[in-house]
Amino acid sequence: MSNAITRLKWIFLGLFAIGVVGIWGYQIFYVWPAKKCAGQERWWDPATRTCATPLYIPALTGRPAGVSREEWSKRQAAAQQQRDRYGERAMADLPKPAPAPEKPAARPAEAPAKK
């Protein structure tokens, strides 16, 4: 009887040790890097365990910030039609279009005059 209890004791102790090592491994290889990546305000991909830097889309596309994709596509299509119509060299001679006027900043409401 004593032999069986000793054997079971070692089996459960071994399973416990394997479980503890597994939990610590998960923490070290998955949880801590994900928290570190989130702390740096970057993107964590758990499938590949990669911490990636988000890219600013206007820097990639050349589209100005605040311009919708639809509006920018229409502008690009119009510019391409003009280049097709007049040719690249003729486009250099045309005057540059004036930039769109910026919206004026909103003013705070004025306080009513005292009587």
PDB file of N, CA and C in Angstrom:
ATOM      1  N   MET A   1       0.825  -1.195   0.000  1.00  0.00           N
ATOM      2  CA  MET A   1       0.000   0.000   0.000  1.00  0.00           C
ATOM      3  C   MET A   1       0.864   1.253   0.000  1.00  0.00           C
ATOM      4  N   SER A   2       1.891   1.251   0.787  1.00  0.00           N
ATOM      5  CA  SER A   2       2.763   2.408   0.894  1.00  0.00           C
ATOM      6  C   SER A   2       3.465   2.686  -0.427  1.00  0.00           C
ATOM      7  N   ASN A   3       3.796   1.620  -1.152  1.00  0.00           N
ATOM      8  CA  ASN A   3       4.464   1.753  -2.437  1.00  0.00           C
ATOM      9  C   ASN A   3       3.553   2.467  -3.449  1.00  0.00           C
ATOM     10  N   ALA A   4       2.277   2.145  -3.481  1.00  0.00           N
ATOM     11  CA  ALA A   4       1.312   2.755  -4.407  1.00  0.00           C
ATOM     12  C   ALA A   4       1.111   4.232  -4.083  1.00  0.00           C
ATOM     13  N   ILE A   5       1.037   4.557  -2.810  1.00  0.00           N
ATOM     14  CA  ILE A   5       0.859   5.967  -2.416  1.00  0.00           C
ATOM     15  C   ILE A   5       2.084   6.787  -2.797  1.00  0.00           C
ATOM     16  N   THR A   6       3.265   6.242  -2.583  1.00  0.00           N
ATOM     17  CA  THR A   6       4.484   6.956  -2.951  1.00  0.00           C
ATOM     18  C   THR A   6       4.547   7.180  -4.454  1.00  0.00           C
ATOM     19  N   ARG A   7       4.184   6.150  -5.227  1.00  0.00           N
ATOM     20  CA  ARG A   7       4.178   6.278  -6.683  1.00  0.00           C
ATOM     21  C   ARG A   7       3.182   7.344  -7.133  1.00  0.00           C
ATOM     22  N   LEU A   8       1.969   7.333  -6.602  1.00  0.00           N
ATOM     23  CA  LEU A   8       0.959   8.340  -6.952  1.00  0.00           C
ATOM     24  C   LEU A   8       1.414   9.742  -6.544  1.00  0.00           C
ATOM     25  N   LYS A   9       2.070   9.834  -5.377  1.00  0.00           N
ATOM     26  CA  LYS A   9       2.574  11.129  -4.923  1.00  0.00           C
ATOM     27  C   LYS A   9       3.553  11.705  -5.947  1.00  0.00           C
ATOM     28  N   TRP A  10       4.469  10.891  -6.448  1.00  0.00           N
ATOM     29  CA  TRP A  10       5.452  11.367  -7.420  1.00  0.00           C
ATOM     30  C   TRP A  10       4.802  11.687  -8.765  1.00  0.00           C
ATOM     31  N   ILE A  11       3.808  10.915  -9.154  1.00  0.00           N
ATOM     32  CA  ILE A  11       3.095  11.184 -10.411  1.00  0.00           C
ATOM     33  C   ILE A  11       2.394  12.532 -10.335  1.00  0.00           C
ATOM     34  N   PHE A  12       1.633  12.775  -9.249  1.00  0.00           N
ATOM     35  CA  PHE A  12       0.937  14.053  -9.112  1.00  0.00           C
ATOM     36  C   PHE A  12       1.912  15.218  -8.966  1.00  0.00           C
ATOM     37  N   LEU A  13       3.019  15.009  -8.286  1.00  0.00           N
ATOM     38  CA  LEU A  13       4.033  16.054  -8.157  1.00  0.00           C
ATOM     39  C   LEU A  13       4.644  16.366  -9.522  1.00  0.00           C
ATOM     40  N   GLY A  14       4.875  15.343 -10.335  1.00  0.00           N
ATOM     41  CA  GLY A  14       5.397  15.546 -11.694  1.00  0.00           C
ATOM     42  C   GLY A  14       4.405  16.294 -12.572  1.00  0.00           C
ATOM     43  N   LEU A  15       3.115  15.895 -12.491  1.00  0.00           N
ATOM     44  CA  LEU A  15       2.083  16.600 -13.264  1.00  0.00           C
ATOM     45  C   LEU A  15       1.968  18.058 -12.830  1.00  0.00           C
ATOM     46  N   PHE A  16       2.058  18.299 -11.527  1.00  0.00           N
ATOM     47  CA  PHE A  16       2.007  19.663 -11.017  1.00  0.00           C
ATOM     48  C   PHE A  16       3.190  20.476 -11.548  1.00  0.00           C
ATOM     49  N   ALA A  17       4.392  19.900 -11.528  1.00  0.00           N
ATOM     50  CA  ALA A  17       5.580  20.597 -12.016  1.00  0.00           C
ATOM     51  C   ALA A  17       5.459  20.901 -13.507  1.00  0.00           C
ATOM     52  N   ILE A  18       4.958  19.937 -14.287  1.00  0.00           N
ATOM     53  CA  ILE A  18       4.763  20.162 -15.725  1.00  0.00           C
ATOM     54  C   ILE A  18       3.738  21.265 -15.953  1.00  0.00           C
ATOM     55  N   GLY A  19       2.657  21.286 -15.187  1.00  0.00           N
ATOM     56  CA  GLY A  19       1.644  22.346 -15.303  1.00  0.00           C
ATOM     57  C   GLY A  19       2.210  23.719 -14.983  1.00  0.00           C
ATOM     58  N   VAL A  20       3.013  23.805 -13.918  1.00  0.00           N
ATOM     59  CA  VAL A  20       3.614  25.091 -13.535  1.00  0.00           C
ATOM     60  C   VAL A  20       4.561  25.579 -14.625  1.00  0.00           C
ATOM     61  N   VAL A  21       5.381  24.682 -15.152  1.00  0.00           N
ATOM     62  CA  VAL A  21       6.302  25.059 -16.228  1.00  0.00           C
ATOM     63  C   VAL A  21       5.521  25.508 -17.464  1.00  0.00           C
ATOM     64  N   GLY A  22       4.430  24.826 -17.777  1.00  0.00           N
ATOM     65  CA  GLY A  22       3.593  25.210 -18.921  1.00  0.00           C
ATOM     66  C   GLY A  22       2.978  26.587 -18.743  1.00  0.00           C
ATOM     67  N   ILE A  23       2.476  26.865 -17.552  1.00  0.00           N
ATOM     68  CA  ILE A  23       1.871  28.178 -17.298  1.00  0.00           C
ATOM     69  C   ILE A  23       2.922  29.282 -17.380  1.00  0.00           C
ATOM     70  N   TRP A  24       4.081  29.059 -16.781  1.00  0.00           N
ATOM     71  CA  TRP A  24       5.149  30.066 -16.859  1.00  0.00           C
ATOM     72  C   TRP A  24       5.628  30.255 -18.299  1.00  0.00           C
ATOM     73  N   GLY A  25       5.714  29.176 -19.053  1.00  0.00           N
ATOM     74  CA  GLY A  25       6.108  29.285 -20.460  1.00  0.00           C
ATOM     75  C   GLY A  25       5.116  30.115 -21.256  1.00  0.00           C
ATOM     76  N   TYR A  26       3.835  29.880 -21.016  1.00  0.00           N
ATOM     77  CA  TYR A  26       2.802  30.666 -21.693  1.00  0.00           C
ATOM     78  C   TYR A  26       2.930  32.148 -21.337  1.00  0.00           C
ATOM     79  N   GLN A  27       3.149  32.442 -20.065  1.00  0.00           N
ATOM     80  CA  GLN A  27       3.315  33.828 -19.622  1.00  0.00           C
ATOM     81  C   GLN A  27       4.521  34.467 -20.300  1.00  0.00           C
ATOM     82  N   ILE A  28       5.636  33.749 -20.302  1.00  0.00           N
ATOM     83  CA  ILE A  28       6.884  34.318 -20.830  1.00  0.00           C
ATOM     84  C   ILE A  28       6.828  34.506 -22.343  1.00  0.00           C
ATOM     85  N   PHE A  29       6.271  33.541 -23.069  1.00  0.00           N
ATOM     86  CA  PHE A  29       6.317  33.589 -24.523  1.00  0.00           C
ATOM     87  C   PHE A  29       5.103  34.233 -25.185  1.00  0.00           C
ATOM     88  N   TYR A  30       3.983  34.397 -24.480  1.00  0.00           N
ATOM     89  CA  TYR A  30       2.793  34.958 -25.103  1.00  0.00           C
ATOM     90  C   TYR A  30       2.255  36.187 -24.375  1.00  0.00           C
ATOM     91  N   VAL A  31       2.049  36.098 -23.082  1.00  0.00           N
ATOM     92  CA  VAL A  31       1.370  37.165 -22.356  1.00  0.00           C
ATOM     93  C   VAL A  31       2.277  38.383 -22.178  1.00  0.00           C
ATOM     94  N   TRP A  32       3.494  38.175 -21.683  1.00  0.00           N
ATOM     95  CA  TRP A  32       4.384  39.319 -21.433  1.00  0.00           C
ATOM     96  C   TRP A  32       4.755  40.078 -22.709  1.00  0.00           C
ATOM     97  N   PRO A  33       5.100  39.400 -23.815  1.00  0.00           N
ATOM     98  CA  PRO A  33       5.380  40.155 -25.041  1.00  0.00           C
ATOM     99  C   PRO A  33       4.156  40.918 -25.559  1.00  0.00           C
ATOM    100  N   ALA A  34       2.963  40.327 -25.413  1.00  0.00           N
ATOM    101  CA  ALA A  34       1.754  41.016 -25.867  1.00  0.00           C
ATOM    102  C   ALA A  34       1.507  42.268 -25.038  1.00  0.00           C
ATOM    103  N   LYS A  35       1.704  42.188 -23.730  1.00  0.00           N
ATOM    104  CA  LYS A  35       1.519  43.365 -22.880  1.00  0.00           C
ATOM    105  C   LYS A  35       2.569  44.420 -23.178  1.00  0.00           C
ATOM    106  N   LYS A  36       3.796  44.016 -23.411  1.00  0.00           N
ATOM    107  CA  LYS A  36       4.862  44.961 -23.737  1.00  0.00           C
ATOM    108  C   LYS A  36       4.562  45.673 -25.062  1.00  0.00           C
ATOM    109  N   CYS A  37       4.078  44.917 -26.038  1.00  0.00           N
ATOM    110  CA  CYS A  37       3.734  45.480 -27.339  1.00  0.00           C
ATOM    111  C   CYS A  37       2.570  46.460 -27.218  1.00  0.00           C
ATOM    112  N   ALA A  38       1.566  46.090 -26.443  1.00  0.00           N
ATOM    113  CA  ALA A  38       0.418  46.984 -26.238  1.00  0.00           C
ATOM    114  C   ALA A  38       0.846  48.238 -25.481  1.00  0.00           C
ATOM    115  N   GLY A  39       1.799  48.107 -24.578  1.00  0.00           N
ATOM    116  CA  GLY A  39       2.299  49.262 -23.849  1.00  0.00           C
ATOM    117  C   GLY A  39       3.016  50.247 -24.750  1.00  0.00           C
ATOM    118  N   GLN A  40       3.589  49.764 -25.844  1.00  0.00           N
ATOM    119  CA  GLN A  40       4.264  50.619 -26.816  1.00  0.00           C
ATOM    120  C   GLN A  40       3.294  51.122 -27.890  1.00  0.00           C
ATOM    121  N   GLU A  41       2.014  50.808 -27.747  1.00  0.00           N
ATOM    122  CA  GLU A  41       0.952  51.173 -28.681  1.00  0.00           C
ATOM    123  C   GLU A  41       1.247  50.661 -30.090  1.00  0.00           C
ATOM    124  N   ARG A  42       1.602  49.385 -30.143  1.00  0.00           N
ATOM    125  CA  ARG A  42       1.829  48.725 -31.415  1.00  0.00           C
ATOM    126  C   ARG A  42       0.862  47.556 -31.535  1.00  0.00           C
ATOM    127  N   TRP A  43       0.904  46.842 -32.662  1.00  0.00           N
ATOM    128  CA  TRP A  43      -0.025  45.742 -32.903  1.00  0.00           C
ATOM    129  C   TRP A  43       0.643  44.417 -32.598  1.00  0.00           C
ATOM    130  N   TRP A  44      -0.050  43.546 -31.847  1.00  0.00           N
ATOM    131  CA  TRP A  44       0.462  42.223 -31.504  1.00  0.00           C
ATOM    132  C   TRP A  44      -0.288  41.174 -32.300  1.00  0.00           C
ATOM    133  N   ASP A  45       0.438  40.307 -32.980  1.00  0.00           N
ATOM    134  CA  ASP A  45      -0.150  39.202 -33.725  1.00  0.00           C
ATOM    135  C   ASP A  45       0.167  37.917 -32.977  1.00  0.00           C
ATOM    136  N   PRO A  46      -0.814  37.320 -32.292  1.00  0.00           N
ATOM    137  CA  PRO A  46      -0.517  36.123 -31.496  1.00  0.00           C
ATOM    138  C   PRO A  46      -0.167  34.900 -32.339  1.00  0.00           C
ATOM    139  N   ALA A  47      -0.612  34.829 -33.577  1.00  0.00           N
ATOM    140  CA  ALA A  47      -0.330  33.657 -34.402  1.00  0.00           C
ATOM    141  C   ALA A  47       1.161  33.555 -34.721  1.00  0.00           C
ATOM    142  N   THR A  48       1.785  34.673 -35.040  1.00  0.00           N
ATOM    143  CA  THR A  48       3.211  34.665 -35.371  1.00  0.00           C
ATOM    144  C   THR A  48       4.060  35.268 -34.260  1.00  0.00           C
ATOM    145  N   ARG A  49       3.405  35.721 -33.177  1.00  0.00           N
ATOM    146  CA  ARG A  49       4.075  36.372 -32.047  1.00  0.00           C
ATOM    147  C   ARG A  49       4.935  37.533 -32.531  1.00  0.00           C
ATOM    148  N   THR A  50       4.328  38.403 -33.346  1.00  0.00           N
ATOM    149  CA  THR A  50       5.022  39.538 -33.934  1.00  0.00           C
ATOM    150  C   THR A  50       4.438  40.827 -33.396  1.00  0.00           C
ATOM    151  N   CYS A  51       5.317  41.740 -33.029  1.00  0.00           N
ATOM    152  CA  CYS A  51       4.894  43.075 -32.618  1.00  0.00           C
ATOM    153  C   CYS A  51       5.177  44.011 -33.786  1.00  0.00           C
ATOM    154  N   ALA A  52       4.131  44.515 -34.415  1.00  0.00           N
ATOM    155  CA  ALA A  52       4.279  45.311 -35.630  1.00  0.00           C
ATOM    156  C   ALA A  52       3.940  46.767 -35.376  1.00  0.00           C
ATOM    157  N   THR A  53       4.578  47.630 -36.130  1.00  0.00           N
ATOM    158  CA  THR A  53       4.325  49.059 -36.048  1.00  0.00           C
ATOM    159  C   THR A  53       3.206  49.413 -37.013  1.00  0.00           C
ATOM    160  N   PRO A  54       2.158  50.098 -36.555  1.00  0.00           N
ATOM    161  CA  PRO A  54       1.097  50.496 -37.479  1.00  0.00           C
ATOM    162  C   PRO A  54       1.625  51.535 -38.467  1.00  0.00           C
ATOM    163  N   LEU A  55       1.154  51.463 -39.689  1.00  0.00           N
ATOM    164  CA  LEU A  55       1.583  52.388 -40.729  1.00  0.00           C
ATOM    165  C   LEU A  55       0.528  53.450 -40.949  1.00  0.00           C
ATOM    166  N   TYR A  56       0.988  54.669 -41.204  1.00  0.00           N
ATOM    167  CA  TYR A  56       0.096  55.780 -41.474  1.00  0.00           C
ATOM    168  C   TYR A  56      -0.303  55.698 -42.943  1.00  0.00           C
ATOM    169  N   ILE A  57      -1.567  55.425 -43.216  1.00  0.00           N
ATOM    170  CA  ILE A  57      -2.045  55.152 -44.571  1.00  0.00           C
ATOM    171  C   ILE A  57      -1.754  56.296 -45.537  1.00  0.00           C
ATOM    172  N   PRO A  58      -1.982  57.577 -45.184  1.00  0.00           N
ATOM    173  CA  PRO A  58      -1.655  58.633 -46.143  1.00  0.00           C
ATOM    174  C   PRO A  58      -0.179  58.652 -46.540  1.00  0.00           C
ATOM    175  N   ALA A  59       0.705  58.191 -45.678  1.00  0.00           N
ATOM    176  CA  ALA A  59       2.120  58.144 -46.047  1.00  0.00           C
ATOM    177  C   ALA A  59       2.360  57.101 -47.139  1.00  0.00           C
ATOM    178  N   LEU A  60       1.568  56.036 -47.157  1.00  0.00           N
ATOM    179  CA  LEU A  60       1.726  55.004 -48.177  1.00  0.00           C
ATOM    180  C   LEU A  60       1.036  55.361 -49.482  1.00  0.00           C
ATOM    181  N   THR A  61      -0.162  55.932 -49.396  1.00  0.00           N
ATOM    182  CA  THR A  61      -0.970  56.167 -50.587  1.00  0.00           C
ATOM    183  C   THR A  61      -0.725  57.521 -51.223  1.00  0.00           C
ATOM    184  N   GLY A  62      -0.171  58.456 -50.471  1.00  0.00           N
ATOM    185  CA  GLY A  62       0.014  59.804 -50.997  1.00  0.00           C
ATOM    186  C   GLY A  62      -1.240  60.649 -50.877  1.00  0.00           C
ATOM    187  N   ARG A  63      -2.274  60.088 -50.302  1.00  0.00           N
ATOM    188  CA  ARG A  63      -3.534  60.802 -50.134  1.00  0.00           C
ATOM    189  C   ARG A  63      -3.413  61.743 -48.936  1.00  0.00           C
ATOM    190  N   PRO A  64      -3.820  62.990 -49.083  1.00  0.00           N
ATOM    191  CA  PRO A  64      -3.747  63.906 -47.941  1.00  0.00           C
ATOM    192  C   PRO A  64      -4.631  63.433 -46.792  1.00  0.00           C
ATOM    193  N   ALA A  65      -4.223  63.753 -45.592  1.00  0.00           N
ATOM    194  CA  ALA A  65      -4.996  63.367 -44.413  1.00  0.00           C
ATOM    195  C   ALA A  65      -6.349  64.073 -44.436  1.00  0.00           C
ATOM    196  N   GLY A  66      -7.387  63.361 -44.087  1.00  0.00           N
ATOM    197  CA  GLY A  66      -8.724  63.939 -44.025  1.00  0.00           C
ATOM    198  C   GLY A  66      -9.500  63.841 -45.317  1.00  0.00           C
ATOM    199  N   VAL A  67      -8.897  63.332 -46.391  1.00  0.00           N
ATOM    200  CA  VAL A  67      -9.586  63.194 -47.675  1.00  0.00           C
ATOM    201  C   VAL A  67     -10.077  61.755 -47.783  1.00  0.00           C
ATOM    202  N   SER A  68     -11.340  61.590 -48.144  1.00  0.00           N
ATOM    203  CA  SER A  68     -11.896  60.241 -48.236  1.00  0.00           C
ATOM    204  C   SER A  68     -11.324  59.508 -49.445  1.00  0.00           C
ATOM    205  N   ARG A  69     -11.399  58.193 -49.391  1.00  0.00           N
ATOM    206  CA  ARG A  69     -10.896  57.386 -50.505  1.00  0.00           C
ATOM    207  C   ARG A  69     -11.655  57.697 -51.781  1.00  0.00           C
ATOM    208  N   GLU A  70     -12.962  57.871 -51.658  1.00  0.00           N
ATOM    209  CA  GLU A  70     -13.779  58.139 -52.841  1.00  0.00           C
ATOM    210  C   GLU A  70     -13.386  59.462 -53.489  1.00  0.00           C
ATOM    211  N   GLU A  71     -13.270  60.502 -52.672  1.00  0.00           N
ATOM    212  CA  GLU A  71     -12.907  61.826 -53.200  1.00  0.00           C
ATOM    213  C   GLU A  71     -11.515  61.787 -53.843  1.00  0.00           C
ATOM    214  N   TRP A  72     -10.575  61.110 -53.184  1.00  0.00           N
ATOM    215  CA  TRP A  72      -9.217  61.040 -53.715  1.00  0.00           C
ATOM    216  C   TRP A  72      -9.191  60.238 -55.020  1.00  0.00           C
ATOM    217  N   SER A  73      -9.985  59.186 -55.102  1.00  0.00           N
ATOM    218  CA  SER A  73     -10.041  58.387 -56.332  1.00  0.00           C
ATOM    219  C   SER A  73     -10.610  59.211 -57.480  1.00  0.00           C
ATOM    220  N   LYS A  74     -11.633  60.005 -57.188  1.00  0.00           N
ATOM    221  CA  LYS A  74     -12.213  60.855 -58.227  1.00  0.00           C
ATOM    222  C   LYS A  74     -11.202  61.889 -58.711  1.00  0.00           C
ATOM    223  N   ARG A  75     -10.465  62.491 -57.787  1.00  0.00           N
ATOM    224  CA  ARG A  75      -9.434  63.465 -58.169  1.00  0.00           C
ATOM    225  C   ARG A  75      -8.355  62.808 -59.031  1.00  0.00           C
ATOM    226  N   GLN A  76      -7.918  61.625 -58.633  1.00  0.00           N
ATOM    227  CA  GLN A  76      -6.878  60.931 -59.369  1.00  0.00           C
ATOM    228  C   GLN A  76      -7.386  60.540 -60.765  1.00  0.00           C
ATOM    229  N   ALA A  77      -8.649  60.096 -60.860  1.00  0.00           N
ATOM    230  CA  ALA A  77      -9.208  59.724 -62.154  1.00  0.00           C
ATOM    231  C   ALA A  77      -9.311  60.939 -63.067  1.00  0.00           C
ATOM    232  N   ALA A  78      -9.727  62.088 -62.509  1.00  0.00           N
ATOM    233  CA  ALA A  78      -9.815  63.319 -63.310  1.00  0.00           C
ATOM    234  C   ALA A  78      -8.429  63.743 -63.780  1.00  0.00           C
ATOM    235  N   ALA A  79      -7.443  63.652 -62.917  1.00  0.00           N
ATOM    236  CA  ALA A  79      -6.079  64.020 -63.304  1.00  0.00           C
ATOM    237  C   ALA A  79      -5.554  63.078 -64.375  1.00  0.00           C
ATOM    238  N   GLN A  80      -5.863  61.792 -64.272  1.00  0.00           N
ATOM    239  CA  GLN A  80      -5.419  60.828 -65.282  1.00  0.00           C
ATOM    240  C   GLN A  80      -6.091  61.093 -66.618  1.00  0.00           C
ATOM    241  N   GLN A  81      -7.368  61.459 -66.598  1.00  0.00           N
ATOM    242  CA  GLN A  81      -8.066  61.785 -67.841  1.00  0.00           C
ATOM    243  C   GLN A  81      -7.447  63.012 -68.500  1.00  0.00           C
ATOM    244  N   GLN A  82      -7.085  64.002 -67.682  1.00  0.00           N
ATOM    245  CA  GLN A  82      -6.433  65.190 -68.226  1.00  0.00           C
ATOM    246  C   GLN A  82      -5.085  64.833 -68.829  1.00  0.00           C
ATOM    247  N   ARG A  83      -4.312  63.990 -68.147  1.00  0.00           N
ATOM    248  CA  ARG A  83      -3.012  63.593 -68.689  1.00  0.00           C
ATOM    249  C   ARG A  83      -3.186  62.819 -69.990  1.00  0.00           C
ATOM    250  N   ASP A  84      -4.221  61.976 -70.046  1.00  0.00           N
ATOM    251  CA  ASP A  84      -4.475  61.227 -71.275  1.00  0.00           C
ATOM    252  C   ASP A  84      -4.892  62.156 -72.413  1.00  0.00           C
ATOM    253  N   ARG A  85      -5.670  63.176 -72.074  1.00  0.00           N
ATOM    254  CA  ARG A  85      -6.184  64.099 -73.081  1.00  0.00           C
ATOM    255  C   ARG A  85      -5.083  65.021 -73.601  1.00  0.00           C
ATOM    256  N   TYR A  86      -4.291  65.600 -72.692  1.00  0.00           N
ATOM    257  CA  TYR A  86      -3.321  66.619 -73.093  1.00  0.00           C
ATOM    258  C   TYR A  86      -1.894  66.094 -73.211  1.00  0.00           C
ATOM    259  N   GLY A  87      -1.607  64.984 -72.607  1.00  0.00           N
ATOM    260  CA  GLY A  87      -0.248  64.461 -72.632  1.00  0.00           C
ATOM    261  C   GLY A  87       0.548  65.000 -71.453  1.00  0.00           C
ATOM    262  N   GLU A  88       1.627  64.326 -71.114  1.00  0.00           N
ATOM    263  CA  GLU A  88       2.434  64.696 -69.941  1.00  0.00           C
ATOM    264  C   GLU A  88       3.097  66.061 -70.125  1.00  0.00           C
ATOM    265  N   ARG A  89       3.622  66.318 -71.283  1.00  0.00           N
ATOM    266  CA  ARG A  89       4.360  67.584 -71.506  1.00  0.00           C
ATOM    267  C   ARG A  89       3.400  68.777 -71.487  1.00  0.00           C
ATOM    268  N   ALA A  90       2.214  68.597 -72.063  1.00  0.00           N
ATOM    269  CA  ALA A  90       1.247  69.688 -72.082  1.00  0.00           C
ATOM    270  C   ALA A  90       0.738  69.980 -70.674  1.00  0.00           C
ATOM    271  N   MET A  91       0.688  68.967 -69.830  1.00  0.00           N
ATOM    272  CA  MET A  91       0.213  69.163 -68.451  1.00  0.00           C
ATOM    273  C   MET A  91       1.176  70.045 -67.670  1.00  0.00           C
ATOM    274  N   ALA A  92       2.461  69.986 -67.988  1.00  0.00           N
ATOM    275  CA  ALA A  92       3.439  70.806 -67.280  1.00  0.00           C
ATOM    276  C   ALA A  92       3.234  72.278 -67.593  1.00  0.00           C
ATOM    277  N   ASP A  93       2.692  72.590 -68.787  1.00  0.00           N
ATOM    278  CA  ASP A  93       2.479  73.979 -69.190  1.00  0.00           C
ATOM    279  C   ASP A  93       1.190  74.564 -68.628  1.00  0.00           C
ATOM    280  N   LEU A  94       0.243  73.715 -68.221  1.00  0.00           N
ATOM    281  CA  LEU A  94      -1.029  74.212 -67.691  1.00  0.00           C
ATOM    282  C   LEU A  94      -0.826  74.818 -66.308  1.00  0.00           C
ATOM    283  N   PRO A  95      -1.625  75.837 -65.973  1.00  0.00           N
ATOM    284  CA  PRO A  95      -1.506  76.412 -64.630  1.00  0.00           C
ATOM    285  C   PRO A  95      -1.974  75.405 -63.579  1.00  0.00           C
ATOM    286  N   LYS A  96      -1.321  75.438 -62.455  1.00  0.00           N
ATOM    287  CA  LYS A  96      -1.678  74.533 -61.359  1.00  0.00           C
ATOM    288  C   LYS A  96      -3.004  74.987 -60.755  1.00  0.00           C
ATOM    289  N   PRO A  97      -3.908  74.043 -60.443  1.00  0.00           N
ATOM    290  CA  PRO A  97      -5.184  74.433 -59.828  1.00  0.00           C
ATOM    291  C   PRO A  97      -4.946  74.951 -58.416  1.00  0.00           C
ATOM    292  N   ALA A  98      -5.759  75.911 -58.038  1.00  0.00           N
ATOM    293  CA  ALA A  98      -5.651  76.479 -56.692  1.00  0.00           C
ATOM    294  C   ALA A  98      -6.070  75.420 -55.667  1.00  0.00           C
ATOM    295  N   PRO A  99      -5.377  75.370 -54.529  1.00  0.00           N
ATOM    296  CA  PRO A  99      -5.774  74.396 -53.508  1.00  0.00           C
ATOM    297  C   PRO A  99      -7.148  74.732 -52.948  1.00  0.00           C
ATOM    298  N   ALA A 100      -7.820  73.717 -52.493  1.00  0.00           N
ATOM    299  CA  ALA A 100      -9.153  73.907 -51.921  1.00  0.00           C
ATOM    300  C   ALA A 100      -9.045  74.791 -50.687  1.00  0.00           C
ATOM    301  N   PRO A 101      -9.978  75.734 -50.533  1.00  0.00           N
ATOM    302  CA  PRO A 101      -9.913  76.603 -49.348  1.00  0.00           C
ATOM    303  C   PRO A 101     -10.167  75.800 -48.079  1.00  0.00           C
ATOM    304  N   GLU A 102      -9.423  76.157 -47.045  1.00  0.00           N
ATOM    305  CA  GLU A 102      -9.588  75.471 -45.771  1.00  0.00           C
ATOM    306  C   GLU A 102     -10.786  76.058 -45.029  1.00  0.00           C
ATOM    307  N   LYS A 103     -11.435  75.219 -44.263  1.00  0.00           N
ATOM    308  CA  LYS A 103     -12.572  75.679 -43.490  1.00  0.00           C
ATOM    309  C   LYS A 103     -12.075  76.535 -42.335  1.00  0.00           C
ATOM    310  N   PRO A 104     -12.718  77.667 -42.084  1.00  0.00           N
ATOM    311  CA  PRO A 104     -12.266  78.493 -40.951  1.00  0.00           C
ATOM    312  C   PRO A 104     -12.532  77.774 -39.626  1.00  0.00           C
ATOM    313  N   ALA A 105     -11.670  78.046 -38.673  1.00  0.00           N
ATOM    314  CA  ALA A 105     -11.820  77.423 -37.358  1.00  0.00           C
ATOM    315  C   ALA A 105     -13.095  77.944 -36.686  1.00  0.00           C
ATOM    316  N   ALA A 106     -13.748  77.066 -35.966  1.00  0.00           N
ATOM    317  CA  ALA A 106     -14.977  77.442 -35.283  1.00  0.00           C
ATOM    318  C   ALA A 106     -14.646  78.394 -34.127  1.00  0.00           C
ATOM    319  N   ARG A 107     -15.416  79.446 -34.030  1.00  0.00           N
ATOM    320  CA  ARG A 107     -15.203  80.399 -32.928  1.00  0.00           C
ATOM    321  C   ARG A 107     -16.065  80.017 -31.740  1.00  0.00           C
ATOM    322  N   PRO A 108     -15.538  80.229 -30.559  1.00  0.00           N
ATOM    323  CA  PRO A 108     -16.366  79.947 -29.379  1.00  0.00           C
ATOM    324  C   PRO A 108     -17.494  80.971 -29.265  1.00  0.00           C
ATOM    325  N   ALA A 109     -18.594  80.531 -28.705  1.00  0.00           N
ATOM    326  CA  ALA A 109     -19.753  81.425 -28.563  1.00  0.00           C
ATOM    327  C   ALA A 109     -19.388  82.564 -27.607  1.00  0.00           C
ATOM    328  N   GLU A 110     -19.806  83.766 -28.005  1.00  0.00           N
ATOM    329  CA  GLU A 110     -19.500  84.922 -27.154  1.00  0.00           C
ATOM    330  C   GLU A 110     -20.493  84.994 -25.991  1.00  0.00           C
ATOM    331  N   ALA A 111     -20.010  85.506 -24.881  1.00  0.00           N
ATOM    332  CA  ALA A 111     -20.864  85.660 -23.693  1.00  0.00           C
ATOM    333  C   ALA A 111     -21.816  86.839 -23.934  1.00  0.00           C
ATOM    334  N   PRO A 112     -23.059  86.778 -23.446  1.00  0.00           N
ATOM    335  CA  PRO A 112     -23.994  87.888 -23.638  1.00  0.00           C
ATOM    336  C   PRO A 112     -23.487  89.129 -22.884  1.00  0.00           C
ATOM    337  N   ALA A 113     -23.815  90.279 -23.458  1.00  0.00           N
ATOM    338  CA  ALA A 113     -23.355  91.541 -22.855  1.00  0.00           C
ATOM    339  C   ALA A 113     -24.105  91.780 -21.527  1.00  0.00           C
ATOM    340  N   LYS A 114     -23.376  92.364 -20.569  1.00  0.00           N
ATOM    341  CA  LYS A 114     -23.992  92.664 -19.268  1.00  0.00           C
ATOM    342  C   LYS A 114     -24.829  93.918 -19.401  1.00  0.00           C
ATOM    343  N   LYS A 115     -25.921  94.001 -18.656  1.00  0.00           N
ATOM    344  CA  LYS A 115     -26.796  95.168 -18.690  1.00  0.00           C
ATOM    345  C   LYS A 115     -26.532  96.059 -17.529  1.00  0.00           C
TER     346      LYS A 115
END
